[in-house]
Amino acid sequence: MFPKLDDAQIARLAPFGHELRVSAGEVFLNQGDSQHGVFVVLNGSIELLNVSGGEAALHVLTRGEFTGEVNMLSGRRTLVRLRSREASTLLEIDRAKLRHIMQTDVALGETFLNAFILRRVYLIANSVGDAVLIGSTHSSDTLRLREFLTRNGHPHTYLDVETDPTVHTLLEHFGIAVTDIPVLICRGESALRNPTNAEAAACFGLNDEIDQGEVCDLIVVGAGPSGLAAAVYGASEGLNVLVVERTAPGGQAGASSRIENYLGFPLGISGQDLSNRAFIQAEKFGARIAIARSATGLKAGRPTYTVELDDGKSARSRTVIMAAGSRYRRLDVPNLAQFEGVGIYYGATRVEAEVCRDEEIAVVGGGNSAGQAAVFLSGIARHVYLVVRGPSLSKTMSQYLISRIEATRQITVLTWTKIEGLEGDTQLQRVHWRNTKTEASEAHEIQHVFVMTGADPNTEWLQGSVELDAKGFIKTGAEVAEGWPLRRAPYLLETSLPGVFAVGDIRAGSVKRVSSAVGEGSMAVQFVHKVLAE
């Protein structure tokens, strides 16, 4: 986490920064700062301090060591405090020049990036930061906020009102009743009662303001695998790229416990780890990623398009890549909404897994996502019922997963089975399912169901803007009907609007695999270059 730069490396950095002299005991960077860059110690020593829950030293930096973590790439606020132990001389390098160094000096770039990533991992693992979430495992909004902070890699401390005796004292300090949970405390200064994701993002400074007068080269809507791939390739090739994401990087893949059939990861990788790496990679090349911003409309008007946002603002660009993905299909039961987040879940990450330890659970679905969830959760829950609508798994799931499920005694596969009833008061307590072949029905005392069935495209905001197929997926390339306005034919991933592309799960006919989504995202950038050159 704390490599030392040698004299030659410091000399290479010197032209990009300016010297700063600080006196003994001086606090020259405080938690919440977003204006300063990275500091390299030239002489003397400085302390890296954790200020969440009292001040504590994390590390003492001496000559050749440097400050900063991944917030240096995103422009987000710092989570720690810096104070000099003695009179010291520092070299300060601002964010723009640091990004230039990382892109042009391979050795130094690798040193900085590796340290930044390891430091962020440490901050998350040790809850070093400016966020405290007070909630309950029986609250769907608590789960939503925990997922939002976790999947966006924002370190936070979670306190449960039912298990932590210190919570009530903290709530009293802010004048908040237990009935107001979840409560998100920002930087120890303000307490938000059940905030939206957008309000949480604003409180922690996760986004820069979008310049209403700017025209980007490329706007990417959605930061799943295809959108992040487009951001990486577009930004690395010099395009001015803005990504708009409504929740967190990764899309459906980001909620996967493990992806084992993605090229280059023989031991597998969690969806969140893969997404976080791609997110950092995109920011390294200069892509700007706006979190908790939903696209609500697309206005055509060449040579620029306008993407309307849910906060009433908008962003303009010469080209657009739509990568908003799809969502799991909801169960066809009348009281489903009552239990979403308090018994019904659409992801299987560590956050959801914590609530079902040593209990019987159900996973609904016959695809790879459901299979991975069943295998992952079988190591945490007492028993897993894999509820499958069809006759077998062989046509919808990879063989390696089928073999693993068959070898796991904690998993029971129920074919020809459909969930037809949910029972409970404030949270799910009982599940009814029926075998559609024998008509036999059963009731089980199950409080947690993970739903991973089918996919519906996130295209409601595009109705009337681009051509969709009967299921709501976006038509591209040769599928675009007559009425195409240009002499040339649409490019392979181009929609019915010239310069607007669709990639990944939102596109009609796409292959529902992470690798193909990444391929489409990178491929679309090549067509973007052609459109920009027209």
Protein backbone atom coordinates (compact mmCIF):
# COMPACT_ATOMS: atom_id res chain seq x y z
CA MET A 1 0.00 0.00 0.00
CA PHE A 2 2.86 2.40 0.68
CA PRO A 3 5.69 2.00 -1.85
CA LYS A 4 8.67 4.36 -1.73
CA LEU A 5 9.64 6.27 -4.86
CA ASP A 6 13.38 6.49 -5.46
CA ASP A 7 15.24 9.69 -6.32
CA ALA A 8 15.02 9.05 -10.07
CA GLN A 9 11.24 8.57 -9.90
CA ILE A 10 10.84 11.73 -7.82
CA ALA A 11 12.88 13.62 -10.41
CA ARG A 12 10.53 12.39 -13.16
CA LEU A 13 7.57 13.67 -11.17
CA ALA A 14 9.05 17.07 -10.25
CA PRO A 15 8.11 18.89 -13.50
CA PHE A 16 4.44 18.00 -12.97
CA GLY A 17 4.05 19.44 -9.48
CA HIS A 18 4.93 22.29 -7.19
CA GLU A 19 6.63 22.28 -3.79
CA LEU A 20 4.60 22.91 -0.64
CA ARG A 21 6.14 23.59 2.77
CA VAL A 22 4.12 22.72 5.86
CA SER A 23 4.95 23.39 9.49
CA ALA A 24 4.94 20.84 12.31
CA GLY A 25 1.42 19.82 13.37
CA GLU A 26 -0.25 21.52 10.41
CA VAL A 27 -3.38 19.88 8.98
CA PHE A 28 -3.02 20.57 5.26
CA LEU A 29 -5.74 18.23 3.96
CA ASN A 30 -8.95 17.35 5.77
CA GLN A 31 -11.64 14.76 5.25
CA GLY A 32 -14.07 15.98 2.62
CA ASP A 33 -11.48 17.83 0.52
CA SER A 34 -11.82 17.43 -3.24
CA GLN A 35 -9.57 20.24 -4.44
CA HIS A 36 -6.08 18.87 -3.86
CA GLY A 37 -4.14 16.22 -5.71
CA VAL A 38 -1.54 13.74 -4.53
CA PHE A 39 1.33 14.73 -2.18
CA VAL A 40 4.80 13.19 -2.44
CA VAL A 41 7.01 13.59 0.65
CA LEU A 42 10.36 15.19 -0.29
CA ASN A 43 11.60 15.55 3.29
CA GLY A 44 10.14 15.35 6.77
CA SER A 45 7.13 13.17 7.62
CA ILE A 46 3.33 13.36 7.59
CA GLU A 47 0.57 11.35 9.27
CA LEU A 48 -2.33 9.69 7.50
CA LEU A 49 -5.25 9.89 9.95
CA ASN A 50 -8.58 8.13 10.24
CA VAL A 51 -11.12 10.59 11.67
CA SER A 52 -14.20 8.35 11.73
CA GLY A 53 -15.07 7.69 15.36
CA GLY A 54 -12.11 9.67 16.69
CA GLU A 55 -8.65 10.42 15.33
CA ALA A 56 -6.24 7.51 14.78
CA ALA A 57 -3.01 7.26 12.80
CA LEU A 58 -3.11 4.83 9.87
CA HIS A 59 0.42 5.35 8.58
CA VAL A 60 3.38 7.73 8.77
CA LEU A 61 4.71 8.74 5.33
CA THR A 62 8.37 9.65 4.89
CA ARG A 63 10.54 10.61 1.91
CA GLY A 64 9.42 8.98 -1.31
CA GLU A 65 5.99 7.96 -0.09
CA PHE A 66 2.82 9.52 -1.48
CA THR A 67 -0.79 10.13 -0.48
CA GLY A 68 -4.03 9.38 -2.28
CA GLU A 69 -6.30 6.49 -3.27
CA VAL A 70 -8.82 5.90 -6.07
CA ASN A 71 -10.62 9.16 -5.28
CA MET A 72 -7.67 10.79 -7.07
CA LEU A 73 -9.10 9.42 -10.33
CA SER A 74 -12.77 10.17 -9.74
CA GLY A 75 -12.45 13.59 -8.12
CA ARG A 76 -14.41 12.44 -5.10
CA ARG A 77 -13.77 13.75 -1.61
CA THR A 78 -10.93 12.41 0.49
CA LEU A 79 -11.91 10.11 3.36
CA VAL A 80 -8.90 10.79 5.62
CA ARG A 81 -6.92 13.67 7.15
CA LEU A 82 -3.25 14.60 6.52
CA ARG A 83 -1.13 16.27 9.20
CA SER A 84 2.61 16.97 9.28
CA ARG A 85 4.58 15.46 12.16
CA GLU A 86 7.41 17.91 11.59
CA ALA A 87 8.30 20.71 9.22
CA SER A 88 8.13 19.02 5.83
CA THR A 89 8.47 19.68 2.12
CA LEU A 90 5.96 18.08 -0.24
CA LEU A 91 5.47 17.87 -3.97
CA GLU A 92 1.79 18.38 -4.88
CA ILE A 93 0.58 17.03 -8.24
CA ASP A 94 -2.97 17.93 -9.25
CA ARG A 95 -5.45 15.35 -10.54
CA ALA A 96 -5.19 16.25 -14.22
CA LYS A 97 -1.39 15.97 -14.25
CA LEU A 98 -1.53 12.77 -12.19
CA ARG A 99 -3.82 11.21 -14.79
CA HIS A 100 -1.40 12.34 -17.52
CA ILE A 101 1.49 10.68 -15.67
CA MET A 102 -0.47 7.45 -15.25
CA GLN A 103 -1.22 7.31 -18.96
CA THR A 104 2.27 8.18 -20.20
CA ASP A 105 4.69 6.68 -17.64
CA VAL A 106 3.94 2.96 -17.38
CA ALA A 107 6.15 2.24 -14.35
CA LEU A 108 4.98 5.20 -12.28
CA GLY A 109 1.39 4.70 -13.38
CA GLU A 110 1.45 1.10 -12.20
CA THR A 111 2.97 2.12 -8.86
CA PHE A 112 0.32 4.76 -8.21
CA LEU A 113 -2.65 2.69 -9.40
CA ASN A 114 -1.67 -0.44 -7.47
CA ALA A 115 -1.26 1.55 -4.25
CA PHE A 116 -4.53 3.42 -4.81
CA ILE A 117 -6.51 0.20 -5.29
CA LEU A 118 -4.99 -1.51 -2.24
CA ARG A 119 -5.71 1.53 -0.11
CA ARG A 120 -9.35 1.64 -1.16
CA VAL A 121 -9.68 -2.06 -0.35
CA TYR A 122 -8.22 -1.33 3.11
CA LEU A 123 -10.60 1.59 3.69
CA ILE A 124 -13.61 -0.55 2.77
CA ALA A 125 -12.50 -3.54 4.85
CA ASN A 126 -11.88 -1.36 7.91
CA SER A 127 -14.88 1.00 7.47
CA VAL A 128 -12.61 4.03 7.26
CA GLY A 129 -14.65 6.84 5.82
CA ASP A 130 -17.38 9.40 6.24
CA ALA A 131 -20.54 7.27 6.18
CA VAL A 132 -22.55 5.57 8.92
CA LEU A 133 -25.72 3.72 7.97
CA ILE A 134 -28.21 2.91 10.72
CA GLY A 135 -30.89 0.43 9.74
CA SER A 136 -32.44 -2.98 10.13
CA THR A 137 -32.24 -6.27 8.28
CA HIS A 138 -36.05 -6.12 8.16
CA SER A 139 -36.01 -2.87 6.14
CA SER A 140 -35.97 -2.96 2.34
CA ASP A 141 -34.58 0.59 2.16
CA THR A 142 -31.72 -0.41 4.47
CA LEU A 143 -30.81 -3.16 2.02
CA ARG A 144 -31.07 -0.70 -0.88
CA LEU A 145 -28.67 1.77 0.74
CA ARG A 146 -26.23 -0.95 1.82
CA GLU A 147 -26.16 -2.26 -1.75
CA PHE A 148 -25.71 1.26 -3.12
CA LEU A 149 -22.74 2.07 -0.86
CA THR A 150 -21.16 -1.37 -1.22
CA ARG A 151 -21.47 -1.64 -4.99
CA ASN A 152 -20.12 1.90 -5.41
CA GLY A 153 -17.11 1.00 -3.27
CA HIS A 154 -17.84 3.68 -0.66
CA PRO A 155 -16.52 2.68 2.79
CA HIS A 156 -19.16 2.81 5.49
CA THR A 157 -20.05 1.55 8.94
CA TYR A 158 -23.33 -0.32 9.28
CA LEU A 159 -25.17 -0.33 12.62
CA ASP A 160 -28.28 -2.46 13.14
CA VAL A 161 -30.90 -1.09 15.55
CA GLU A 162 -31.79 -4.61 16.67
CA THR A 163 -28.30 -5.85 17.52
CA ASP A 164 -26.09 -2.83 18.30
CA PRO A 165 -26.69 -1.19 21.71
CA THR A 166 -24.80 2.00 20.74
CA VAL A 167 -27.29 2.89 18.00
CA HIS A 168 -29.88 4.54 20.21
CA THR A 169 -27.31 6.94 21.69
CA LEU A 170 -26.22 7.94 18.20
CA LEU A 171 -29.81 8.48 17.09
CA GLU A 172 -30.50 10.63 20.14
CA HIS A 173 -27.47 12.79 19.29
CA PHE A 174 -29.06 13.68 15.96
CA GLY A 175 -32.60 13.88 17.37
CA ILE A 176 -33.87 10.95 15.30
CA ALA A 177 -36.46 8.33 16.27
CA VAL A 178 -35.91 4.63 15.65
CA THR A 179 -38.98 4.68 13.39
CA ASP A 180 -37.10 6.98 10.99
CA ILE A 181 -34.60 4.32 9.92
CA PRO A 182 -32.76 3.83 7.72
CA VAL A 183 -30.68 6.87 8.57
CA LEU A 184 -27.51 7.77 6.69
CA ILE A 185 -25.04 9.97 8.60
CA CYS A 186 -22.75 11.94 6.29
CA ARG A 187 -19.33 13.07 7.52
CA GLY A 188 -20.65 13.17 11.10
CA GLU A 189 -22.46 16.40 10.23
CA SER A 190 -25.86 15.63 8.76
CA ALA A 191 -28.33 12.76 9.09
CA LEU A 192 -30.52 11.83 6.13
CA ARG A 193 -33.75 9.98 6.90
CA ASN A 194 -34.26 7.23 4.29
CA PRO A 195 -32.50 9.13 1.49
CA THR A 196 -32.77 8.22 -2.17
CA ASN A 197 -29.65 6.91 -3.89
CA ALA A 198 -29.29 10.29 -5.59
CA GLU A 199 -29.43 12.10 -2.23
CA ALA A 200 -26.80 9.75 -0.82
CA ALA A 201 -24.56 10.34 -3.84
CA ALA A 202 -24.91 14.10 -3.44
CA CYS A 203 -24.15 13.98 0.30
CA PHE A 204 -20.88 12.12 -0.25
CA GLY A 205 -19.89 14.03 -3.37
CA LEU A 206 -19.85 10.98 -5.62
CA ASN A 207 -20.59 13.07 -8.73
CA ASP A 208 -19.41 16.25 -10.36
CA GLU A 209 -22.05 18.54 -11.82
CA ILE A 210 -22.81 17.92 -15.49
CA ASP A 211 -22.04 21.01 -17.57
CA GLN A 212 -25.30 21.88 -19.32
CA GLY A 213 -23.47 23.74 -22.06
CA GLU A 214 -20.96 21.01 -22.89
CA VAL A 215 -21.30 18.74 -25.91
CA CYS A 216 -19.53 15.40 -25.35
CA ASP A 217 -18.19 13.11 -28.03
CA LEU A 218 -20.00 10.18 -26.46
CA ILE A 219 -22.61 9.58 -23.76
CA VAL A 220 -22.94 6.02 -22.49
CA VAL A 221 -26.21 5.25 -20.72
CA GLY A 222 -25.57 2.41 -18.28
CA ALA A 223 -22.39 1.21 -16.57
CA GLY A 224 -22.79 -2.53 -16.87
CA PRO A 225 -20.07 -4.60 -18.60
CA SER A 226 -20.97 -3.27 -22.07
CA GLY A 227 -21.18 0.36 -20.92
CA LEU A 228 -17.93 0.21 -18.97
CA ALA A 229 -16.18 -1.41 -21.96
CA ALA A 230 -17.41 1.44 -24.17
CA ALA A 231 -16.18 3.97 -21.60
CA VAL A 232 -12.73 2.37 -21.37
CA TYR A 233 -12.19 2.11 -25.11
CA GLY A 234 -13.73 5.50 -25.88
CA ALA A 235 -11.76 7.41 -23.23
CA SER A 236 -8.51 5.56 -23.97
CA GLU A 237 -8.84 6.62 -27.62
CA GLY A 238 -9.20 10.28 -26.73
CA LEU A 239 -12.97 10.74 -26.76
CA ASN A 240 -14.74 13.00 -24.28
CA VAL A 241 -16.91 10.36 -22.56
CA LEU A 242 -19.71 10.75 -20.02
CA VAL A 243 -21.34 7.68 -18.47
CA VAL A 244 -24.75 7.92 -16.79
CA GLU A 245 -25.61 5.10 -14.37
CA ARG A 246 -28.77 4.92 -12.27
CA THR A 247 -27.43 2.78 -9.40
CA ALA A 248 -23.90 1.40 -9.44
CA PRO A 249 -21.32 0.03 -11.88
CA GLY A 250 -21.79 -3.54 -13.03
CA GLY A 251 -25.47 -3.87 -13.91
CA GLN A 252 -26.88 -7.36 -13.37
CA ALA A 253 -23.36 -8.81 -13.60
CA GLY A 254 -22.31 -6.62 -10.67
CA ALA A 255 -24.80 -8.46 -8.46
CA SER A 256 -23.38 -11.88 -9.38
CA SER A 257 -21.54 -13.74 -6.64
CA ARG A 258 -19.01 -15.22 -9.08
CA ILE A 259 -18.35 -15.29 -12.82
CA GLU A 260 -16.27 -18.31 -13.79
CA ASN A 261 -16.57 -18.50 -17.58
CA TYR A 262 -15.10 -15.06 -18.38
CA LEU A 263 -11.86 -15.27 -20.33
CA GLY A 264 -8.72 -14.63 -18.28
CA PHE A 265 -10.12 -15.47 -14.83
CA PRO A 266 -9.65 -19.24 -14.36
CA LEU A 267 -10.49 -19.01 -10.65
CA GLY A 268 -13.50 -16.81 -11.34
CA ILE A 269 -14.19 -13.28 -10.20
CA SER A 270 -17.16 -11.71 -8.44
CA GLY A 271 -19.31 -9.39 -10.50
CA GLN A 272 -18.54 -6.53 -8.13
CA ASP A 273 -14.76 -7.01 -8.36
CA LEU A 274 -14.93 -7.12 -12.15
CA SER A 275 -17.09 -4.00 -12.22
CA ASN A 276 -14.87 -2.10 -9.79
CA ARG A 277 -11.78 -2.85 -11.86
CA ALA A 278 -13.48 -1.71 -15.05
CA PHE A 279 -14.77 1.42 -13.29
CA ILE A 280 -11.27 2.39 -12.14
CA GLN A 281 -9.90 1.61 -15.60
CA ALA A 282 -12.45 3.92 -17.24
CA GLU A 283 -11.64 6.73 -14.79
CA LYS A 284 -7.92 6.21 -15.32
CA PHE A 285 -8.38 7.12 -18.99
CA GLY A 286 -10.53 10.14 -18.15
CA ALA A 287 -14.11 8.94 -18.55
CA ARG A 288 -16.55 10.72 -16.24
CA ILE A 289 -19.10 8.48 -14.56
CA ALA A 290 -22.23 9.97 -12.98
CA ILE A 291 -23.77 7.67 -10.36
CA ALA A 292 -27.46 7.60 -9.34
CA ARG A 293 -28.47 9.51 -12.46
CA SER A 294 -31.25 7.94 -14.51
CA ALA A 295 -31.90 8.69 -18.16
CA THR A 296 -35.57 9.55 -18.70
CA GLY A 297 -35.63 10.50 -22.35
CA LEU A 298 -33.65 10.87 -25.57
CA LYS A 299 -34.15 13.86 -27.86
CA ALA A 300 -32.91 13.52 -31.41
CA GLY A 301 -31.43 16.50 -33.19
CA ARG A 302 -28.32 15.87 -35.21
CA PRO A 303 -25.53 16.75 -34.97
CA THR A 304 -26.21 16.48 -31.22
CA TYR A 305 -28.46 14.33 -29.07
CA THR A 306 -29.85 15.26 -25.65
CA VAL A 307 -30.17 12.70 -22.87
CA GLU A 308 -32.73 13.92 -20.34
CA LEU A 309 -32.05 13.03 -16.69
CA ASP A 310 -34.30 12.35 -13.71
CA ASP A 311 -33.15 15.44 -11.83
CA GLY A 312 -34.56 17.69 -14.55
CA LYS A 313 -31.18 18.35 -16.14
CA SER A 314 -29.74 16.92 -19.32
CA ALA A 315 -26.51 16.08 -21.12
CA ARG A 316 -25.66 16.58 -24.79
CA SER A 317 -23.45 14.53 -27.07
CA ARG A 318 -22.67 13.90 -30.72
CA THR A 319 -23.12 10.14 -30.26
CA VAL A 320 -24.85 7.89 -27.72
CA ILE A 321 -24.33 4.27 -26.70
CA MET A 322 -27.30 2.77 -24.89
CA ALA A 323 -26.13 0.09 -22.47
CA ALA A 324 -28.88 0.26 -19.84
CA GLY A 325 -29.23 -3.52 -19.80
CA SER A 326 -32.19 -5.50 -18.51
CA ARG A 327 -33.73 -6.50 -15.20
CA TYR A 328 -34.86 -9.84 -13.85
CA ARG A 329 -38.50 -10.65 -14.52
CA ARG A 330 -40.71 -10.37 -11.44
CA LEU A 331 -42.66 -13.28 -10.00
CA ASP A 332 -46.31 -13.45 -11.00
CA VAL A 333 -47.77 -13.25 -7.49
CA PRO A 334 -50.12 -10.48 -6.32
CA ASN A 335 -48.30 -9.38 -3.16
CA LEU A 336 -44.75 -9.47 -4.52
CA ALA A 337 -44.03 -5.76 -3.92
CA GLN A 338 -44.79 -6.21 -0.22
CA PHE A 339 -41.73 -8.43 0.21
CA GLU A 340 -39.19 -6.93 -2.18
CA GLY A 341 -36.08 -6.18 -0.14
CA VAL A 342 -37.48 -8.01 2.91
CA GLY A 343 -37.54 -11.55 1.56
CA ILE A 344 -37.46 -11.14 -2.22
CA TYR A 345 -34.05 -10.23 -3.69
CA TYR A 346 -32.69 -9.71 -7.21
CA GLY A 347 -28.99 -10.11 -6.44
CA ALA A 348 -26.80 -12.55 -4.54
CA THR A 349 -23.88 -10.52 -3.19
CA ARG A 350 -22.42 -10.64 0.31
CA VAL A 351 -24.92 -7.99 1.41
CA GLU A 352 -27.94 -10.19 0.64
CA ALA A 353 -26.20 -13.36 1.79
CA GLU A 354 -25.73 -11.99 5.30
CA VAL A 355 -29.48 -12.07 5.96
CA CYS A 356 -29.98 -15.78 5.22
CA ARG A 357 -27.17 -17.50 7.12
CA ASP A 358 -28.12 -21.02 8.31
CA GLU A 359 -31.66 -20.76 6.92
CA GLU A 360 -33.55 -22.55 4.16
CA ILE A 361 -33.85 -20.38 1.05
CA ALA A 362 -35.06 -20.56 -2.54
CA VAL A 363 -33.40 -19.43 -5.77
CA VAL A 364 -35.70 -19.03 -8.77
CA GLY A 365 -34.29 -19.42 -12.28
CA GLY A 366 -32.56 -21.85 -14.60
CA GLY A 367 -29.77 -19.71 -16.05
CA ASN A 368 -26.16 -19.21 -15.07
CA SER A 369 -26.92 -16.35 -12.69
CA ALA A 370 -29.34 -18.53 -10.73
CA GLY A 371 -26.87 -21.42 -10.75
CA GLN A 372 -24.02 -19.29 -9.45
CA ALA A 373 -26.30 -17.86 -6.76
CA ALA A 374 -27.38 -21.34 -5.65
CA VAL A 375 -23.79 -22.57 -5.39
CA PHE A 376 -22.63 -19.44 -3.57
CA LEU A 377 -25.54 -19.39 -1.13
CA SER A 378 -25.27 -23.13 -0.41
CA GLY A 379 -22.11 -22.34 1.53
CA ILE A 380 -24.00 -19.88 3.74
CA ALA A 381 -27.61 -21.06 3.98
CA ARG A 382 -28.68 -24.34 5.55
CA HIS A 383 -30.34 -25.54 2.35
CA VAL A 384 -31.10 -24.11 -1.10
CA TYR A 385 -34.09 -25.01 -3.27
CA LEU A 386 -33.41 -24.18 -6.92
CA VAL A 387 -36.85 -23.59 -8.45
CA VAL A 388 -36.87 -24.16 -12.22
CA ARG A 389 -39.87 -23.67 -14.48
CA GLY A 390 -38.65 -26.08 -17.20
CA PRO A 391 -37.89 -29.81 -17.31
CA SER A 392 -34.14 -29.51 -16.67
CA LEU A 393 -31.15 -27.20 -16.48
CA SER A 394 -29.34 -28.58 -19.52
CA LYS A 395 -30.69 -26.10 -22.08
CA THR A 396 -30.22 -22.93 -20.02
CA MET A 397 -27.21 -23.44 -17.75
CA SER A 398 -23.51 -24.17 -18.35
CA GLN A 399 -22.50 -27.75 -17.71
CA TYR A 400 -19.82 -26.87 -15.15
CA LEU A 401 -22.50 -25.28 -12.97
CA ILE A 402 -24.90 -28.19 -13.42
CA SER A 403 -22.18 -30.62 -12.30
CA ARG A 404 -21.40 -28.50 -9.26
CA ILE A 405 -25.08 -28.24 -8.30
CA GLU A 406 -25.54 -32.02 -8.65
CA ALA A 407 -22.54 -32.58 -6.38
CA THR A 408 -23.80 -30.21 -3.67
CA ARG A 409 -26.01 -31.93 -1.07
CA GLN A 410 -27.27 -28.58 0.22
CA ILE A 411 -29.03 -27.88 -3.12
CA THR A 412 -32.30 -29.46 -4.23
CA VAL A 413 -33.38 -28.83 -7.83
CA LEU A 414 -37.14 -28.58 -8.35
CA THR A 415 -38.03 -28.82 -12.06
CA TRP A 416 -41.47 -28.07 -13.55
CA THR A 417 -41.99 -25.84 -10.50
CA LYS A 418 -43.52 -22.39 -10.12
CA ILE A 419 -43.87 -20.15 -7.06
CA GLU A 420 -47.52 -19.20 -6.75
CA GLY A 421 -47.87 -17.66 -3.29
CA LEU A 422 -46.03 -15.62 -0.66
CA GLU A 423 -47.06 -15.15 2.97
CA GLY A 424 -45.89 -12.83 5.72
CA ASP A 425 -46.51 -9.59 7.55
CA THR A 426 -43.63 -7.10 7.57
CA GLN A 427 -41.33 -9.67 5.96
CA LEU A 428 -41.61 -12.92 4.03
CA GLN A 429 -42.36 -15.99 6.19
CA ARG A 430 -43.72 -18.72 3.91
CA VAL A 431 -43.52 -19.69 0.22
CA HIS A 432 -45.98 -21.81 -1.78
CA TRP A 433 -44.93 -23.54 -4.98
CA ARG A 434 -46.59 -25.95 -7.39
CA ASN A 435 -45.31 -28.65 -9.71
CA THR A 436 -46.95 -27.78 -13.02
CA LYS A 437 -46.69 -31.37 -14.24
CA THR A 438 -48.14 -33.24 -11.24
CA GLU A 439 -50.16 -30.25 -9.85
CA ALA A 440 -48.77 -31.08 -6.39
CA SER A 441 -48.45 -27.99 -4.17
CA GLU A 442 -46.16 -27.46 -1.19
CA ALA A 443 -45.66 -24.77 1.45
CA HIS A 444 -42.25 -24.11 3.02
CA GLU A 445 -41.17 -21.90 5.91
CA ILE A 446 -38.80 -19.88 3.73
CA GLN A 447 -38.02 -16.24 4.44
CA HIS A 448 -35.61 -15.49 1.59
CA VAL A 449 -36.15 -15.96 -2.16
CA PHE A 450 -33.59 -14.91 -4.78
CA VAL A 451 -35.25 -14.22 -8.13
CA MET A 452 -33.16 -14.53 -11.31
CA THR A 453 -35.64 -15.35 -14.05
CA GLY A 454 -35.65 -14.08 -17.61
CA ALA A 455 -34.98 -10.48 -18.56
CA ASP A 456 -37.01 -7.39 -19.41
CA PRO A 457 -35.15 -4.54 -21.16
CA ASN A 458 -34.76 -1.15 -19.50
CA THR A 459 -36.26 0.70 -22.45
CA GLU A 460 -39.36 2.41 -21.01
CA TRP A 461 -37.62 5.78 -21.37
CA LEU A 462 -37.00 5.14 -25.07
CA GLN A 463 -40.59 4.58 -26.20
CA GLY A 464 -41.07 6.55 -29.41
CA SER A 465 -37.38 7.46 -29.70
CA VAL A 466 -35.83 4.37 -31.28
CA GLU A 467 -37.27 1.30 -32.94
CA LEU A 468 -37.98 -1.58 -30.52
CA ASP A 469 -38.97 -5.18 -31.14
CA ALA A 470 -42.14 -6.80 -29.78
CA LYS A 471 -40.48 -7.53 -26.43
CA GLY A 472 -39.13 -4.01 -26.01
CA PHE A 473 -35.49 -4.69 -26.96
CA ILE A 474 -33.72 -2.22 -29.27
CA LYS A 475 -33.37 -3.14 -32.94
CA THR A 476 -29.97 -2.52 -34.52
CA GLY A 477 -28.17 -2.92 -37.81
CA ALA A 478 -29.99 -4.90 -40.48
CA GLU A 479 -33.07 -5.23 -38.24
CA VAL A 480 -33.79 -1.50 -38.48
CA ALA A 481 -36.89 -1.05 -40.65
CA GLU A 482 -37.38 1.24 -43.63
CA GLY A 483 -37.19 4.93 -42.90
CA TRP A 484 -33.47 5.01 -42.19
CA PRO A 485 -32.55 8.64 -43.07
CA LEU A 486 -29.01 8.23 -44.45
CA ARG A 487 -27.65 6.87 -47.73
CA ARG A 488 -25.34 4.47 -45.95
CA ALA A 489 -26.81 1.43 -44.19
CA PRO A 490 -26.91 1.36 -40.38
CA TYR A 491 -23.74 0.08 -38.75
CA LEU A 492 -23.89 -3.30 -37.03
CA LEU A 493 -24.88 -1.96 -33.57
CA GLU A 494 -26.56 1.24 -34.75
CA THR A 495 -30.21 1.92 -33.88
CA SER A 496 -32.85 3.62 -36.00
CA LEU A 497 -31.20 6.93 -35.03
CA PRO A 498 -27.86 7.59 -36.78
CA GLY A 499 -25.05 7.85 -34.25
CA VAL A 500 -27.04 6.13 -31.50
CA PHE A 501 -25.94 2.57 -30.71
CA ALA A 502 -27.26 -0.22 -28.47
CA VAL A 503 -25.04 -2.83 -26.82
CA GLY A 504 -25.39 -5.64 -24.30
CA ASP A 505 -28.62 -7.01 -22.89
CA ILE A 506 -30.75 -4.05 -24.02
CA ARG A 507 -30.12 -4.93 -27.69
CA ALA A 508 -32.42 -7.29 -29.57
CA GLY A 509 -30.71 -10.58 -30.34
CA SER A 510 -27.76 -10.07 -28.00
CA VAL A 511 -26.03 -13.03 -26.37
CA LYS A 512 -26.60 -12.83 -22.61
CA ARG A 513 -22.98 -13.27 -21.53
CA VAL A 514 -20.55 -10.85 -19.90
CA SER A 515 -17.89 -11.50 -22.53
CA SER A 516 -20.20 -10.70 -25.45
CA ALA A 517 -21.43 -7.54 -23.68
CA VAL A 518 -17.84 -6.36 -23.25
CA GLY A 519 -17.15 -7.15 -26.90
CA GLU A 520 -20.16 -5.18 -28.10
CA GLY A 521 -19.25 -2.19 -25.93
CA SER A 522 -15.73 -2.03 -27.34
CA MET A 523 -16.91 -2.68 -30.90
CA ALA A 524 -19.45 0.14 -30.77
CA VAL A 525 -16.69 2.67 -30.10
CA GLN A 526 -15.20 1.91 -33.50
CA PHE A 527 -18.51 2.81 -35.12
CA VAL A 528 -18.66 5.96 -32.97
CA HIS A 529 -15.36 7.07 -34.53
CA LYS A 530 -16.84 6.56 -38.00
CA VAL A 531 -19.91 8.64 -37.15
CA LEU A 532 -17.81 11.43 -35.66
CA ALA A 533 -15.75 11.52 -38.85
CA GLU A 534 -18.83 11.86 -41.09
